[in-house]
Amino acid sequence: MTSLRVRISILSLALLAGPVAPASAAVAPAAPSPTVEELRLDRAVPREILERSGFDAVPRHLTRTLGSARSYGEAHKVVVRQGA
């Protein structure tokens, strides 16, 4: 009779622990930290260089054209064209 109680107890614990296991999924990895070059872009001198060269409009233009893309294919073409 004792072995039946032990089996029922083990089965009960397994049933209780079963639904808990999938809920403990791994956390997504954190975004990588910015590079040294990316951190420097917020300073005054790099910002002035970008403004004088006209490259300060590039991110705005890319954001605008990506936002107007209606499909993945169009967005891919925009990225390929802008990255060239």
PDB file of N, CA and C in Angstrom:
ATOM      1  N   MET A   1       0.813  -1.186   0.000  1.00  0.00           N
ATOM      2  CA  MET A   1       0.000   0.000   0.000  1.00  0.00           C
ATOM      3  C   MET A   1       0.866   1.263   0.000  1.00  0.00           C
ATOM      4  N   THR A   2       2.028   1.168   0.647  1.00  0.00           N
ATOM      5  CA  THR A   2       2.915   2.319   0.711  1.00  0.00           C
ATOM      6  C   THR A   2       3.427   2.687  -0.670  1.00  0.00           C
ATOM      7  N   SER A   3       3.751   1.690  -1.480  1.00  0.00           N
ATOM      8  CA  SER A   3       4.264   1.993  -2.811  1.00  0.00           C
ATOM      9  C   SER A   3       3.206   2.667  -3.678  1.00  0.00           C
ATOM     10  N   LEU A   4       1.929   2.345  -3.466  1.00  0.00           N
ATOM     11  CA  LEU A   4       0.857   3.003  -4.215  1.00  0.00           C
ATOM     12  C   LEU A   4       0.778   4.478  -3.818  1.00  0.00           C
ATOM     13  N   ARG A   5       0.896   4.759  -2.524  1.00  0.00           N
ATOM     14  CA  ARG A   5       0.877   6.153  -2.059  1.00  0.00           C
ATOM     15  C   ARG A   5       2.069   6.931  -2.611  1.00  0.00           C
ATOM     16  N   VAL A   6       3.221   6.295  -2.655  1.00  0.00           N
ATOM     17  CA  VAL A   6       4.420   6.946  -3.188  1.00  0.00           C
ATOM     18  C   VAL A   6       4.228   7.247  -4.665  1.00  0.00           C
ATOM     19  N   ARG A   7       3.686   6.292  -5.402  1.00  0.00           N
ATOM     20  CA  ARG A   7       3.455   6.505  -6.840  1.00  0.00           C
ATOM     21  C   ARG A   7       2.451   7.628  -7.076  1.00  0.00           C
ATOM     22  N   ILE A   8       1.393   7.651  -6.288  1.00  0.00           N
ATOM     23  CA  ILE A   8       0.390   8.707  -6.441  1.00  0.00           C
ATOM     24  C   ILE A   8       1.002  10.060  -6.084  1.00  0.00           C
ATOM     25  N   SER A   9       1.817  10.102  -5.066  1.00  0.00           N
ATOM     26  CA  SER A   9       2.473  11.358  -4.677  1.00  0.00           C
ATOM     27  C   SER A   9       3.409  11.853  -5.772  1.00  0.00           C
ATOM     28  N   ILE A  10       4.176  10.945  -6.336  1.00  0.00           N
ATOM     29  CA  ILE A  10       5.095  11.326  -7.418  1.00  0.00           C
ATOM     30  C   ILE A  10       4.319  11.798  -8.635  1.00  0.00           C
ATOM     31  N   LEU A  11       3.232  11.093  -8.965  1.00  0.00           N
ATOM     32  CA  LEU A  11       2.399  11.499 -10.098  1.00  0.00           C
ATOM     33  C   LEU A  11       1.791  12.872  -9.849  1.00  0.00           C
ATOM     34  N   SER A  12       1.340  13.105  -8.623  1.00  0.00           N
ATOM     35  CA  SER A  12       0.763  14.412  -8.288  1.00  0.00           C
ATOM     36  C   SER A  12       1.792  15.523  -8.431  1.00  0.00           C
ATOM     37  N   LEU A  13       2.985  15.286  -7.939  1.00  0.00           N
ATOM     38  CA  LEU A  13       4.040  16.294  -8.069  1.00  0.00           C
ATOM     39  C   LEU A  13       4.395  16.545  -9.533  1.00  0.00           C
ATOM     40  N   ALA A  14       4.443  15.483 -10.319  1.00  0.00           N
ATOM     41  CA  ALA A  14       4.764  15.639 -11.736  1.00  0.00           C
ATOM     42  C   ALA A  14       3.686  16.436 -12.452  1.00  0.00           C
ATOM     43  N   LEU A  15       2.420  16.181 -12.114  1.00  0.00           N
ATOM     44  CA  LEU A  15       1.327  16.923 -12.744  1.00  0.00           C
ATOM     45  C   LEU A  15       1.334  18.389 -12.332  1.00  0.00           C
ATOM     46  N   LEU A  16       1.684  18.649 -11.090  1.00  0.00           N
ATOM     47  CA  LEU A  16       1.748  20.039 -10.634  1.00  0.00           C
ATOM     48  C   LEU A  16       2.931  20.780 -11.243  1.00  0.00           C
ATOM     49  N   ALA A  17       4.042  20.104 -11.389  1.00  0.00           N
ATOM     50  CA  ALA A  17       5.243  20.744 -11.916  1.00  0.00           C
ATOM     51  C   ALA A  17       5.218  20.841 -13.432  1.00  0.00           C
ATOM     52  N   GLY A  18       4.430  20.040 -14.089  1.00  0.00           N
ATOM     53  CA  GLY A  18       4.386  20.018 -15.553  1.00  0.00           C
ATOM     54  C   GLY A  18       4.060  21.359 -16.179  1.00  0.00           C
ATOM     55  N   PRO A  19       2.937  21.981 -15.801  1.00  0.00           N
ATOM     56  CA  PRO A  19       2.586  23.259 -16.426  1.00  0.00           C
ATOM     57  C   PRO A  19       3.528  24.399 -16.056  1.00  0.00           C
ATOM     58  N   VAL A  20       4.266  24.276 -14.978  1.00  0.00           N
ATOM     59  CA  VAL A  20       5.154  25.353 -14.539  1.00  0.00           C
ATOM     60  C   VAL A  20       6.407  25.420 -15.401  1.00  0.00           C
ATOM     61  N   ALA A  21       6.891  24.304 -15.880  1.00  0.00           N
ATOM     62  CA  ALA A  21       8.155  24.271 -16.613  1.00  0.00           C
ATOM     63  C   ALA A  21       8.148  25.132 -17.877  1.00  0.00           C
ATOM     64  N   PRO A  22       7.154  25.063 -18.759  1.00  0.00           N
ATOM     65  CA  PRO A  22       7.201  25.901 -19.960  1.00  0.00           C
ATOM     66  C   PRO A  22       7.081  27.393 -19.667  1.00  0.00           C
ATOM     67  N   ALA A  23       6.504  27.757 -18.541  1.00  0.00           N
ATOM     68  CA  ALA A  23       6.329  29.174 -18.233  1.00  0.00           C
ATOM     69  C   ALA A  23       7.658  29.866 -17.942  1.00  0.00           C
ATOM     70  N   SER A  24       8.665  29.123 -17.574  1.00  0.00           N
ATOM     71  CA  SER A  24       9.954  29.735 -17.265  1.00  0.00           C
ATOM     72  C   SER A  24      10.837  29.769 -18.511  1.00  0.00           C
ATOM     73  N   ALA A  25      10.381  30.492 -19.502  1.00  0.00           N
ATOM     74  CA  ALA A  25      11.138  30.616 -20.748  1.00  0.00           C
ATOM     75  C   ALA A  25      12.339  31.529 -20.536  1.00  0.00           C
ATOM     76  N   ALA A  26      13.330  31.354 -21.365  1.00  0.00           N
ATOM     77  CA  ALA A  26      14.538  32.169 -21.269  1.00  0.00           C
ATOM     78  C   ALA A  26      14.236  33.608 -21.684  1.00  0.00           C
ATOM     79  N   VAL A  27      14.847  34.522 -21.017  1.00  0.00           N
ATOM     80  CA  VAL A  27      14.684  35.940 -21.321  1.00  0.00           C
ATOM     81  C   VAL A  27      15.496  36.266 -22.568  1.00  0.00           C
ATOM     82  N   ALA A  28      14.934  37.103 -23.416  1.00  0.00           N
ATOM     83  CA  ALA A  28      15.636  37.507 -24.634  1.00  0.00           C
ATOM     84  C   ALA A  28      16.913  38.256 -24.260  1.00  0.00           C
ATOM     85  N   PRO A  29      17.961  38.072 -25.042  1.00  0.00           N
ATOM     86  CA  PRO A  29      19.208  38.777 -24.722  1.00  0.00           C
ATOM     87  C   PRO A  29      19.036  40.288 -24.872  1.00  0.00           C
ATOM     88  N   ALA A  30      19.735  41.015 -24.050  1.00  0.00           N
ATOM     89  CA  ALA A  30      19.661  42.472 -24.095  1.00  0.00           C
ATOM     90  C   ALA A  30      20.297  42.988 -25.386  1.00  0.00           C
ATOM     91  N   ALA A  31      19.858  44.152 -25.799  1.00  0.00           N
ATOM     92  CA  ALA A  31      20.418  44.765 -27.000  1.00  0.00           C
ATOM     93  C   ALA A  31      21.893  45.067 -26.765  1.00  0.00           C
ATOM     94  N   PRO A  32      22.702  44.927 -27.806  1.00  0.00           N
ATOM     95  CA  PRO A  32      24.126  45.213 -27.624  1.00  0.00           C
ATOM     96  C   PRO A  32      24.338  46.691 -27.315  1.00  0.00           C
ATOM     97  N   SER A  33      25.357  46.971 -26.548  1.00  0.00           N
ATOM     98  CA  SER A  33      25.642  48.359 -26.201  1.00  0.00           C
ATOM     99  C   SER A  33      26.181  49.089 -27.430  1.00  0.00           C
ATOM    100  N   PRO A  34      25.938  50.392 -27.516  1.00  0.00           N
ATOM    101  CA  PRO A  34      26.412  51.157 -28.670  1.00  0.00           C
ATOM    102  C   PRO A  34      27.936  51.127 -28.775  1.00  0.00           C
ATOM    103  N   THR A  35      28.419  51.240 -29.999  1.00  0.00           N
ATOM    104  CA  THR A  35      29.862  51.274 -30.218  1.00  0.00           C
ATOM    105  C   THR A  35      30.401  52.648 -29.826  1.00  0.00           C
ATOM    106  N   VAL A  36      31.698  52.768 -29.775  1.00  0.00           N
ATOM    107  CA  VAL A  36      32.332  54.043 -29.425  1.00  0.00           C
ATOM    108  C   VAL A  36      31.938  55.109 -30.446  1.00  0.00           C
ATOM    109  N   GLU A  37      31.912  54.723 -31.719  1.00  0.00           N
ATOM    110  CA  GLU A  37      31.554  55.681 -32.768  1.00  0.00           C
ATOM    111  C   GLU A  37      30.114  56.159 -32.607  1.00  0.00           C
ATOM    112  N   GLU A  38      29.206  55.236 -32.266  1.00  0.00           N
ATOM    113  CA  GLU A  38      27.810  55.629 -32.088  1.00  0.00           C
ATOM    114  C   GLU A  38      27.643  56.551 -30.886  1.00  0.00           C
ATOM    115  N   LEU A  39      28.415  56.333 -29.851  1.00  0.00           N
ATOM    116  CA  LEU A  39      28.336  57.199 -28.680  1.00  0.00           C
ATOM    117  C   LEU A  39      28.852  58.601 -28.975  1.00  0.00           C
ATOM    118  N   ARG A  40      29.794  58.721 -29.882  1.00  0.00           N
ATOM    119  CA  ARG A  40      30.368  60.031 -30.219  1.00  0.00           C
ATOM    120  C   ARG A  40      29.422  60.882 -31.057  1.00  0.00           C
ATOM    121  N   LEU A  41      28.454  60.287 -31.721  1.00  0.00           N
ATOM    122  CA  LEU A  41      27.578  61.042 -32.617  1.00  0.00           C
ATOM    123  C   LEU A  41      26.747  62.090 -31.893  1.00  0.00           C
ATOM    124  N   ASP A  42      26.521  61.929 -30.608  1.00  0.00           N
ATOM    125  CA  ASP A  42      25.720  62.896 -29.868  1.00  0.00           C
ATOM    126  C   ASP A  42      26.501  64.133 -29.453  1.00  0.00           C
ATOM    127  N   ARG A  43      27.786  64.134 -29.659  1.00  0.00           N
ATOM    128  CA  ARG A  43      28.606  65.286 -29.276  1.00  0.00           C
ATOM    129  C   ARG A  43      28.475  66.398 -30.317  1.00  0.00           C
ATOM    130  N   ALA A  44      28.905  67.585 -29.952  1.00  0.00           N
ATOM    131  CA  ALA A  44      28.705  68.768 -30.794  1.00  0.00           C
ATOM    132  C   ALA A  44      29.498  68.714 -32.100  1.00  0.00           C
ATOM    133  N   VAL A  45      30.767  68.330 -32.053  1.00  0.00           N
ATOM    134  CA  VAL A  45      31.606  68.361 -33.257  1.00  0.00           C
ATOM    135  C   VAL A  45      31.129  67.355 -34.307  1.00  0.00           C
ATOM    136  N   PRO A  46      30.894  66.096 -33.965  1.00  0.00           N
ATOM    137  CA  PRO A  46      30.388  65.179 -34.993  1.00  0.00           C
ATOM    138  C   PRO A  46      29.033  65.617 -35.553  1.00  0.00           C
ATOM    139  N   ARG A  47      28.185  66.166 -34.701  1.00  0.00           N
ATOM    140  CA  ARG A  47      26.882  66.636 -35.175  1.00  0.00           C
ATOM    141  C   ARG A  47      27.059  67.779 -36.171  1.00  0.00           C
ATOM    142  N   GLU A  48      27.986  68.691 -35.897  1.00  0.00           N
ATOM    143  CA  GLU A  48      28.247  69.810 -36.808  1.00  0.00           C
ATOM    144  C   GLU A  48      28.814  69.316 -38.137  1.00  0.00           C
ATOM    145  N   ILE A  49      29.706  68.333 -38.076  1.00  0.00           N
ATOM    146  CA  ILE A  49      30.272  67.768 -39.314  1.00  0.00           C
ATOM    147  C   ILE A  49      29.165  67.149 -40.158  1.00  0.00           C
ATOM    148  N   LEU A  50      28.267  66.410 -39.525  1.00  0.00           N
ATOM    149  CA  LEU A  50      27.159  65.796 -40.265  1.00  0.00           C
ATOM    150  C   LEU A  50      26.240  66.857 -40.864  1.00  0.00           C
ATOM    151  N   GLU A  51      25.963  67.918 -40.113  1.00  0.00           N
ATOM    152  CA  GLU A  51      25.097  68.982 -40.622  1.00  0.00           C
ATOM    153  C   GLU A  51      25.729  69.696 -41.810  1.00  0.00           C
ATOM    154  N   ARG A  52      27.007  70.043 -41.713  1.00  0.00           N
ATOM    155  CA  ARG A  52      27.679  70.766 -42.802  1.00  0.00           C
ATOM    156  C   ARG A  52      27.822  69.916 -44.057  1.00  0.00           C
ATOM    157  N   SER A  53      27.977  68.603 -43.880  1.00  0.00           N
ATOM    158  CA  SER A  53      28.145  67.728 -45.047  1.00  0.00           C
ATOM    159  C   SER A  53      26.814  67.339 -45.677  1.00  0.00           C
ATOM    160  N   GLY A  54      25.708  67.596 -44.993  1.00  0.00           N
ATOM    161  CA  GLY A  54      24.401  67.250 -45.535  1.00  0.00           C
ATOM    162  C   GLY A  54      23.927  65.856 -45.158  1.00  0.00           C
ATOM    163  N   PHE A  55      24.739  65.130 -44.423  1.00  0.00           N
ATOM    164  CA  PHE A  55      24.363  63.768 -44.049  1.00  0.00           C
ATOM    165  C   PHE A  55      23.377  63.722 -42.887  1.00  0.00           C
ATOM    166  N   ASP A  56      23.087  64.853 -42.276  1.00  0.00           N
ATOM    167  CA  ASP A  56      22.135  64.844 -41.174  1.00  0.00           C
ATOM    168  C   ASP A  56      20.714  64.555 -41.652  1.00  0.00           C
ATOM    169  N   ALA A  57      20.447  64.740 -42.952  1.00  0.00           N
ATOM    170  CA  ALA A  57      19.118  64.471 -43.505  1.00  0.00           C
ATOM    171  C   ALA A  57      18.923  63.001 -43.858  1.00  0.00           C
ATOM    172  N   VAL A  58      19.997  62.235 -43.924  1.00  0.00           N
ATOM    173  CA  VAL A  58      19.907  60.834 -44.345  1.00  0.00           C
ATOM    174  C   VAL A  58      19.013  60.009 -43.421  1.00  0.00           C
ATOM    175  N   PRO A  59      19.180  60.061 -42.111  1.00  0.00           N
ATOM    176  CA  PRO A  59      18.297  59.254 -41.255  1.00  0.00           C
ATOM    177  C   PRO A  59      16.827  59.635 -41.377  1.00  0.00           C
ATOM    178  N   ARG A  60      16.543  60.928 -41.503  1.00  0.00           N
ATOM    179  CA  ARG A  60      15.144  61.360 -41.660  1.00  0.00           C
ATOM    180  C   ARG A  60      14.565  60.834 -42.960  1.00  0.00           C
ATOM    181  N   HIS A  61      15.349  60.903 -44.046  1.00  0.00           N
ATOM    182  CA  HIS A  61      14.877  60.424 -45.344  1.00  0.00           C
ATOM    183  C   HIS A  61      14.647  58.915 -45.307  1.00  0.00           C
ATOM    184  N   LEU A  62      15.570  58.180 -44.711  1.00  0.00           N
ATOM    185  CA  LEU A  62      15.426  56.726 -44.615  1.00  0.00           C
ATOM    186  C   LEU A  62      14.195  56.361 -43.794  1.00  0.00           C
ATOM    187  N   THR A  63      13.992  57.043 -42.684  1.00  0.00           N
ATOM    188  CA  THR A  63      12.823  56.775 -41.848  1.00  0.00           C
ATOM    189  C   THR A  63      11.537  57.054 -42.607  1.00  0.00           C
ATOM    190  N   ARG A  64      11.509  58.149 -43.340  1.00  0.00           N
ATOM    191  CA  ARG A  64      10.315  58.522 -44.093  1.00  0.00           C
ATOM    192  C   ARG A  64      10.018  57.511 -45.197  1.00  0.00           C
ATOM    193  N   THR A  65      11.043  57.108 -45.962  1.00  0.00           N
ATOM    194  CA  THR A  65      10.806  56.169 -47.060  1.00  0.00           C
ATOM    195  C   THR A  65      10.485  54.768 -46.541  1.00  0.00           C
ATOM    196  N   LEU A  66      11.102  54.354 -45.446  1.00  0.00           N
ATOM    197  CA  LEU A  66      10.747  53.050 -44.869  1.00  0.00           C
ATOM    198  C   LEU A  66       9.319  53.066 -44.338  1.00  0.00           C
ATOM    199  N   GLY A  67       8.922  54.180 -43.772  1.00  0.00           N
ATOM    200  CA  GLY A  67       7.556  54.295 -43.260  1.00  0.00           C
ATOM    201  C   GLY A  67       6.511  54.250 -44.350  1.00  0.00           C
ATOM    202  N   SER A  68       6.869  54.690 -45.550  1.00  0.00           N
ATOM    203  CA  SER A  68       5.902  54.676 -46.650  1.00  0.00           C
ATOM    204  C   SER A  68       5.916  53.370 -47.431  1.00  0.00           C
ATOM    205  N   ALA A  69       6.834  52.470 -47.131  1.00  0.00           N
ATOM    206  CA  ALA A  69       6.871  51.168 -47.813  1.00  0.00           C
ATOM    207  C   ALA A  69       5.639  50.370 -47.416  1.00  0.00           C
ATOM    208  N   ARG A  70       5.016  49.736 -48.407  1.00  0.00           N
ATOM    209  CA  ARG A  70       3.773  49.004 -48.154  1.00  0.00           C
ATOM    210  C   ARG A  70       3.969  47.504 -48.029  1.00  0.00           C
ATOM    211  N   SER A  71       5.175  47.023 -48.265  1.00  0.00           N
ATOM    212  CA  SER A  71       5.431  45.588 -48.165  1.00  0.00           C
ATOM    213  C   SER A  71       6.887  45.369 -47.771  1.00  0.00           C
ATOM    214  N   TYR A  72       7.185  44.128 -47.455  1.00  0.00           N
ATOM    215  CA  TYR A  72       8.559  43.777 -47.117  1.00  0.00           C
ATOM    216  C   TYR A  72       9.469  44.000 -48.319  1.00  0.00           C
ATOM    217  N   GLY A  73       8.983  43.666 -49.510  1.00  0.00           N
ATOM    218  CA  GLY A  73       9.779  43.839 -50.722  1.00  0.00           C
ATOM    219  C   GLY A  73      10.154  45.291 -50.961  1.00  0.00           C
ATOM    220  N   GLU A  74       9.180  46.185 -50.793  1.00  0.00           N
ATOM    221  CA  GLU A  74       9.458  47.614 -50.964  1.00  0.00           C
ATOM    222  C   GLU A  74      10.460  48.102 -49.912  1.00  0.00           C
ATOM    223  N   ALA A  75      10.284  47.659 -48.678  1.00  0.00           N
ATOM    224  CA  ALA A  75      11.208  48.063 -47.614  1.00  0.00           C
ATOM    225  C   ALA A  75      12.612  47.543 -47.898  1.00  0.00           C
ATOM    226  N   HIS A  76      12.703  46.336 -48.411  1.00  0.00           N
ATOM    227  CA  HIS A  76      14.012  45.761 -48.749  1.00  0.00           C
ATOM    228  C   HIS A  76      14.680  46.582 -49.849  1.00  0.00           C
ATOM    229  N   LYS A  77      13.919  46.988 -50.860  1.00  0.00           N
ATOM    230  CA  LYS A  77      14.474  47.812 -51.941  1.00  0.00           C
ATOM    231  C   LYS A  77      14.980  49.148 -51.403  1.00  0.00           C
ATOM    232  N   VAL A  78      14.226  49.742 -50.478  1.00  0.00           N
ATOM    233  CA  VAL A  78      14.640  51.021 -49.892  1.00  0.00           C
ATOM    234  C   VAL A  78      15.968  50.857 -49.161  1.00  0.00           C
ATOM    235  N   VAL A  79      16.090  49.799 -48.370  1.00  0.00           N
ATOM    236  CA  VAL A  79      17.313  49.581 -47.600  1.00  0.00           C
ATOM    237  C   VAL A  79      18.489  49.317 -48.526  1.00  0.00           C
ATOM    238  N   VAL A  80      18.273  48.527 -49.576  1.00  0.00           N
ATOM    239  CA  VAL A  80      19.358  48.245 -50.526  1.00  0.00           C
ATOM    240  C   VAL A  80      19.772  49.527 -51.239  1.00  0.00           C
ATOM    241  N   ARG A  81      18.791  50.316 -51.660  1.00  0.00           N
ATOM    242  CA  ARG A  81      19.092  51.553 -52.383  1.00  0.00           C
ATOM    243  C   ARG A  81      19.801  52.556 -51.474  1.00  0.00           C
ATOM    244  N   GLN A  82      19.347  52.706 -50.235  1.00  0.00           N
ATOM    245  CA  GLN A  82      19.957  53.663 -49.318  1.00  0.00           C
ATOM    246  C   GLN A  82      21.338  53.208 -48.852  1.00  0.00           C
ATOM    247  N   GLY A  83      21.542  51.904 -48.773  1.00  0.00           N
ATOM    248  CA  GLY A  83      22.819  51.394 -48.299  1.00  0.00           C
ATOM    249  C   GLY A  83      23.896  51.373 -49.359  1.00  0.00           C
ATOM    250  N   ALA A  84      23.520  51.560 -50.612  1.00  0.00           N
ATOM    251  CA  ALA A  84      24.494  51.497 -51.711  1.00  0.00           C
ATOM    252  C   ALA A  84      25.357  52.727 -51.775  1.00  0.00           C
TER     253      ALA A  84
END
